[in-house]
């Protein structure tokens, strides 16, 4: 929710700026589009930041054809983590 609040504040700030500066509709369109492009490029960083706040940490990046193959490759390289939890 922190990221949503920040993005909402950014949108609200942009709208208030439009009212203060009295921009025409086309300029507002381009400024809003630019803001949303910036947010789009930053979305993965914001997601990673949110996960870090929740206590998650990036352990390793694994590339594979699908999620099951990536999981198999990860546990092949980390056999201690692949042991059953009940032992």
Protein backbone atom coordinates (compact mmCIF):
# COMPACT_ATOMS: atom_id res chain seq x y z
CA UNK A 1 0.00 0.00 0.00
CA UNK A 2 2.97 2.29 0.47
CA UNK A 3 3.74 2.27 -3.24
CA UNK A 4 0.08 2.88 -4.10
CA UNK A 5 0.04 5.88 -1.74
CA UNK A 6 3.22 7.26 -3.31
CA UNK A 7 1.83 6.86 -6.82
CA UNK A 8 -1.48 8.42 -5.80
CA UNK A 9 0.40 11.36 -4.26
CA UNK A 10 2.35 11.74 -7.51
CA UNK A 11 -0.85 11.78 -9.56
CA UNK A 12 -2.44 14.24 -7.16
CA UNK A 13 0.63 16.45 -7.24
CA UNK A 14 0.61 16.43 -11.02
CA UNK A 15 -3.09 17.38 -11.08
CA UNK A 16 -2.45 20.23 -8.63
CA UNK A 17 0.46 21.41 -10.75
CA UNK A 18 -1.82 21.47 -13.79
CA UNK A 19 -4.26 23.68 -11.90
CA UNK A 20 -1.52 26.07 -10.75
CA UNK A 21 0.18 26.37 -14.13
CA UNK A 22 -3.07 26.29 -16.13
CA UNK A 23 -1.80 23.95 -18.87
CA UNK A 24 -3.86 23.23 -21.95
CA UNK A 25 -5.35 19.76 -22.42
CA UNK A 26 -2.70 18.50 -24.85
CA UNK A 27 0.16 19.49 -22.53
CA UNK A 28 -1.60 17.79 -19.64
CA UNK A 29 -1.97 14.66 -21.75
CA UNK A 30 1.74 14.53 -22.56
CA UNK A 31 2.81 15.29 -19.00
CA UNK A 32 0.49 12.59 -17.64
CA UNK A 33 1.68 10.11 -20.26
CA UNK A 34 5.30 10.91 -19.35
CA UNK A 35 4.58 10.37 -15.65
CA UNK A 36 2.96 7.01 -16.33
CA UNK A 37 5.84 5.91 -18.57
CA UNK A 38 8.26 6.72 -15.74
CA UNK A 39 6.08 4.75 -13.31
CA UNK A 40 5.99 1.85 -15.78
CA UNK A 41 9.77 1.75 -16.05
CA UNK A 42 10.10 1.92 -12.25
CA UNK A 43 7.40 -0.69 -11.54
CA UNK A 44 9.76 -3.65 -11.10
CA UNK A 45 12.02 -1.64 -8.78
CA UNK A 46 8.98 -0.61 -6.73
CA UNK A 47 7.87 -4.26 -6.55
CA UNK A 48 11.34 -5.35 -5.43
CA UNK A 49 11.39 -2.58 -2.80
CA UNK A 50 7.98 -3.67 -1.49
CA UNK A 51 9.14 -7.29 -1.22
CA UNK A 52 12.30 -6.18 0.60
CA UNK A 53 10.13 -4.27 3.09
CA UNK A 54 8.20 -7.50 3.73
CA UNK A 55 11.43 -9.31 4.59
CA UNK A 56 12.16 -11.07 1.30
CA UNK A 57 15.68 -11.08 -0.08
CA UNK A 58 17.00 -11.82 -3.56
CA UNK A 59 18.81 -15.13 -3.20
CA UNK A 60 19.65 -15.98 -6.77
CA UNK A 61 18.43 -15.52 -10.32
CA UNK A 62 17.64 -18.74 -12.16
CA UNK A 63 16.87 -18.91 -15.87
CA UNK A 64 14.96 -21.86 -17.31
CA UNK A 65 12.20 -22.72 -19.77
CA UNK A 66 9.45 -22.64 -17.13
CA UNK A 67 8.93 -22.28 -13.39
CA UNK A 68 9.27 -26.01 -12.66
CA UNK A 69 12.58 -26.24 -14.53
CA UNK A 70 13.85 -23.12 -12.75
CA UNK A 71 12.91 -24.59 -9.38
CA UNK A 72 14.62 -27.88 -10.24
CA UNK A 73 17.79 -26.05 -11.36
CA UNK A 74 17.82 -23.94 -8.18
CA UNK A 75 17.52 -26.97 -5.89
CA UNK A 76 20.11 -28.91 -7.91
CA UNK A 77 22.60 -26.17 -7.00
CA UNK A 78 21.36 -25.92 -3.39
CA UNK A 79 20.77 -29.49 -2.21
CA UNK A 80 20.66 -28.53 1.48
CA UNK A 81 17.56 -26.47 0.86
CA UNK A 82 15.90 -29.33 -1.00
CA UNK A 83 15.79 -31.58 2.08
CA UNK A 84 12.32 -32.18 3.51
CA UNK A 85 11.50 -29.91 6.43
CA UNK A 86 10.23 -32.73 8.67
CA UNK A 87 13.58 -34.53 8.98
